[in-house]
Amino acid sequence: MIMNGRLEMALIHGVGPIKGVRFEPILSEEFYFVAHRNFAIEAEPKPVPVGALDGMPMLLPPAYNFVRRAVETAFTRSRINLKVVAEVEIVRTLARAVGSGLGATIMPKAIADRIVSESSEPLVCRLVSPRIEETLSLCTSDQSSLSEPAFAVKDILVELTERLKL
């Protein structure tokens, strides 16, 4: 839609390239492991090694989702078995499933924080090692400039993503 002029800008995970689209990386978000304490993963500040998650029942989005691709890549590189027991896209459903102990998940920080905040159960939330992260880019046409209203929206988007970095 950006390439054919039907959309002036978009926030896309990744850094391209896509012909006709300019990518401006604005945020890199680390992924966190989230699980019920019944999964026997200690709540400590250091990252949980991917190796400790071998065969653990995982709740992840479908294969086309950027989160799933990033998690699969990390597990493949570490030669660890990724056991996806269910595909869940809706964050509220994911939070309930993780909170009830149906499985664990690995999500970007903003989603992991939401899962923890929506649960009344004791959850563990830890960074993953090796680090899993994804870049969020502001994408615009490399052929045409933004309209005045789009520039205003861009400024707001950049300001909002700056707040996420804090």
Protein backbone atom coordinates (compact mmCIF):
# COMPACT_ATOMS: atom_id res chain seq x y z
CA MET A 1 0.00 0.00 0.00
CA ILE A 2 2.93 2.36 0.62
CA MET A 3 4.44 1.47 -2.75
CA ASN A 4 1.22 2.27 -4.65
CA GLY A 5 0.46 5.45 -2.68
CA ARG A 6 -2.61 4.17 -0.81
CA LEU A 7 -0.82 4.46 2.54
CA GLU A 8 1.65 7.18 3.54
CA MET A 9 3.36 5.38 6.40
CA ALA A 10 3.33 2.23 8.47
CA LEU A 11 5.04 0.76 11.51
CA ILE A 12 6.59 -2.53 10.44
CA HIS A 13 8.72 -5.00 12.36
CA GLY A 14 11.99 -5.44 10.52
CA VAL A 15 14.41 -3.25 8.62
CA GLY A 16 13.60 -4.19 5.03
CA PRO A 17 14.51 -3.96 2.29
CA ILE A 18 11.30 -3.60 0.34
CA LYS A 19 11.61 -1.91 -3.04
CA GLY A 20 9.98 1.53 -2.98
CA VAL A 21 9.85 1.71 0.82
CA ARG A 22 12.18 3.65 3.11
CA PHE A 23 12.74 2.03 6.52
CA GLU A 24 13.58 4.25 9.50
CA PRO A 25 14.38 2.07 12.55
CA ILE A 26 12.84 3.73 15.60
CA LEU A 27 12.79 1.06 18.31
CA SER A 28 14.48 -2.21 19.13
CA GLU A 29 12.44 -4.31 21.50
CA GLU A 30 13.83 -7.23 23.50
CA PHE A 31 11.79 -10.39 23.98
CA TYR A 32 10.90 -11.81 27.40
CA PHE A 33 10.03 -15.29 28.56
CA VAL A 34 6.78 -15.37 30.57
CA ALA A 35 5.51 -18.40 32.48
CA HIS A 36 3.57 -19.45 35.54
CA ARG A 37 5.87 -20.17 38.50
CA ASN A 38 4.71 -23.79 38.35
CA PHE A 39 7.08 -24.24 35.39
CA ALA A 40 10.00 -24.16 37.86
CA ILE A 41 11.82 -21.24 36.25
CA GLU A 42 13.27 -19.03 38.96
CA ALA A 43 12.29 -15.36 39.09
CA GLU A 44 15.70 -13.72 38.98
CA PRO A 45 17.17 -10.73 37.14
CA LYS A 46 19.53 -12.61 34.82
CA PRO A 47 18.25 -13.85 31.43
CA VAL A 48 16.88 -17.36 31.14
CA PRO A 49 18.98 -19.47 28.73
CA VAL A 50 17.11 -20.80 25.70
CA GLY A 51 18.62 -24.19 26.60
CA ALA A 52 16.54 -24.23 29.80
CA LEU A 53 13.39 -24.07 27.65
CA ASP A 54 14.05 -27.26 25.68
CA GLY A 55 10.72 -29.06 25.21
CA MET A 56 8.77 -26.60 27.37
CA PRO A 57 5.14 -26.22 26.20
CA MET A 58 5.00 -22.87 24.42
CA LEU A 59 2.08 -20.66 23.40
CA LEU A 60 3.06 -18.57 20.37
CA PRO A 61 1.46 -16.75 17.45
CA PRO A 62 1.10 -18.51 14.08
CA ALA A 63 4.16 -19.07 11.88
CA TYR A 64 3.61 -15.95 9.75
CA ASN A 65 3.94 -13.65 12.78
CA PHE A 66 7.24 -11.80 13.35
CA VAL A 67 7.37 -12.94 17.00
CA ARG A 68 7.09 -16.58 16.04
CA ARG A 69 9.77 -16.23 13.35
CA ALA A 70 12.18 -14.56 15.80
CA VAL A 71 11.59 -17.20 18.49
CA GLU A 72 11.94 -20.09 16.01
CA THR A 73 15.21 -18.61 14.71
CA ALA A 74 16.63 -18.32 18.25
CA PHE A 75 15.69 -21.91 19.12
CA THR A 76 17.04 -23.24 15.81
CA ARG A 77 20.36 -21.40 16.25
CA SER A 78 20.67 -22.79 19.77
CA ARG A 79 19.70 -26.28 18.54
CA ILE A 80 16.92 -26.42 21.11
CA ASN A 81 13.55 -28.14 20.63
CA LEU A 82 10.72 -25.58 20.37
CA LYS A 83 7.52 -27.29 21.47
CA VAL A 84 4.57 -25.14 20.38
CA VAL A 85 1.43 -26.58 21.98
CA ALA A 86 -0.95 -23.85 20.79
CA GLU A 87 -1.00 -20.84 18.49
CA VAL A 88 -2.53 -17.78 20.14
CA GLU A 89 -2.74 -14.31 18.58
CA ILE A 90 -4.99 -12.41 20.98
CA VAL A 91 -2.99 -10.97 23.89
CA ARG A 92 -5.81 -11.26 26.42
CA THR A 93 -6.30 -14.94 25.56
CA LEU A 94 -2.54 -15.49 25.72
CA ALA A 95 -2.39 -13.82 29.15
CA ARG A 96 -5.15 -16.07 30.48
CA ALA A 97 -3.56 -19.21 29.04
CA VAL A 98 -0.12 -18.38 30.47
CA GLY A 99 -1.66 -17.38 33.80
CA SER A 100 -3.52 -20.67 34.05
CA GLY A 101 -0.34 -22.65 33.36
CA LEU A 102 -1.29 -24.03 29.94
CA GLY A 103 2.12 -23.06 28.60
CA ALA A 104 4.78 -20.39 28.56
CA THR A 105 5.48 -17.75 25.94
CA ILE A 106 8.20 -15.46 24.62
CA MET A 107 7.03 -11.98 23.61
CA PRO A 108 8.33 -8.44 23.07
CA LYS A 109 8.61 -6.47 26.32
CA ALA A 110 5.40 -4.46 25.87
CA ILE A 111 3.32 -7.61 25.39
CA ALA A 112 5.15 -9.49 28.17
CA ASP A 113 4.45 -6.61 30.57
CA ARG A 114 0.78 -6.69 29.60
CA ILE A 115 0.54 -10.45 30.20
CA VAL A 116 2.06 -10.03 33.67
CA SER A 117 -0.16 -7.06 34.54
CA GLU A 118 -3.36 -8.85 33.46
CA SER A 119 -2.64 -11.99 35.47
CA SER A 120 -3.61 -12.58 39.07
CA GLU A 121 -1.26 -15.57 39.13
CA PRO A 122 2.46 -15.46 40.06
CA LEU A 123 4.30 -15.21 36.75
CA VAL A 124 8.00 -15.22 35.95
CA CYS A 125 9.10 -12.64 33.38
CA ARG A 126 12.74 -12.73 32.27
CA LEU A 127 14.88 -11.75 29.35
CA VAL A 128 16.04 -14.58 27.10
CA SER A 129 19.65 -15.52 26.32
CA PRO A 130 20.86 -15.44 23.65
CA ARG A 131 19.04 -12.17 23.19
CA ILE A 132 15.92 -12.17 20.99
CA GLU A 133 14.86 -8.78 19.69
CA GLU A 134 13.07 -7.15 16.81
CA THR A 135 13.37 -3.71 15.25
CA LEU A 136 10.30 -1.57 14.69
CA SER A 137 10.67 0.69 11.66
CA LEU A 138 8.67 3.64 10.42
CA CYS A 139 8.15 3.00 6.72
CA THR A 140 7.39 5.60 4.07
CA SER A 141 7.59 5.80 0.31
CA ASP A 142 11.03 6.49 -1.08
CA GLN A 143 9.35 8.14 -4.10
CA SER A 144 7.06 10.74 -2.52
CA SER A 145 7.12 12.93 0.56
CA LEU A 146 4.65 12.85 3.41
CA SER A 147 1.64 15.17 3.51
CA GLU A 148 1.43 17.76 6.27
CA PRO A 149 -1.04 15.66 8.35
CA ALA A 150 1.19 12.59 7.91
CA PHE A 151 4.20 14.57 9.18
CA ALA A 152 2.19 15.44 12.31
CA VAL A 153 1.28 11.77 12.84
CA LYS A 154 4.92 10.76 12.27
CA ASP A 155 6.05 13.18 14.99
CA ILE A 156 3.52 11.68 17.42
CA LEU A 157 4.58 8.10 16.56
CA VAL A 158 8.25 8.93 17.09
CA GLU A 159 7.44 10.61 20.42
CA LEU A 160 5.40 7.60 21.58
CA THR A 161 8.13 5.12 20.66
CA GLU A 162 10.70 7.27 22.50
CA ARG A 163 8.59 6.82 25.65
CA LEU A 164 8.73 3.03 25.20
CA LYS A 165 12.53 3.19 25.41
CA LEU A 166 12.43 4.53 28.96
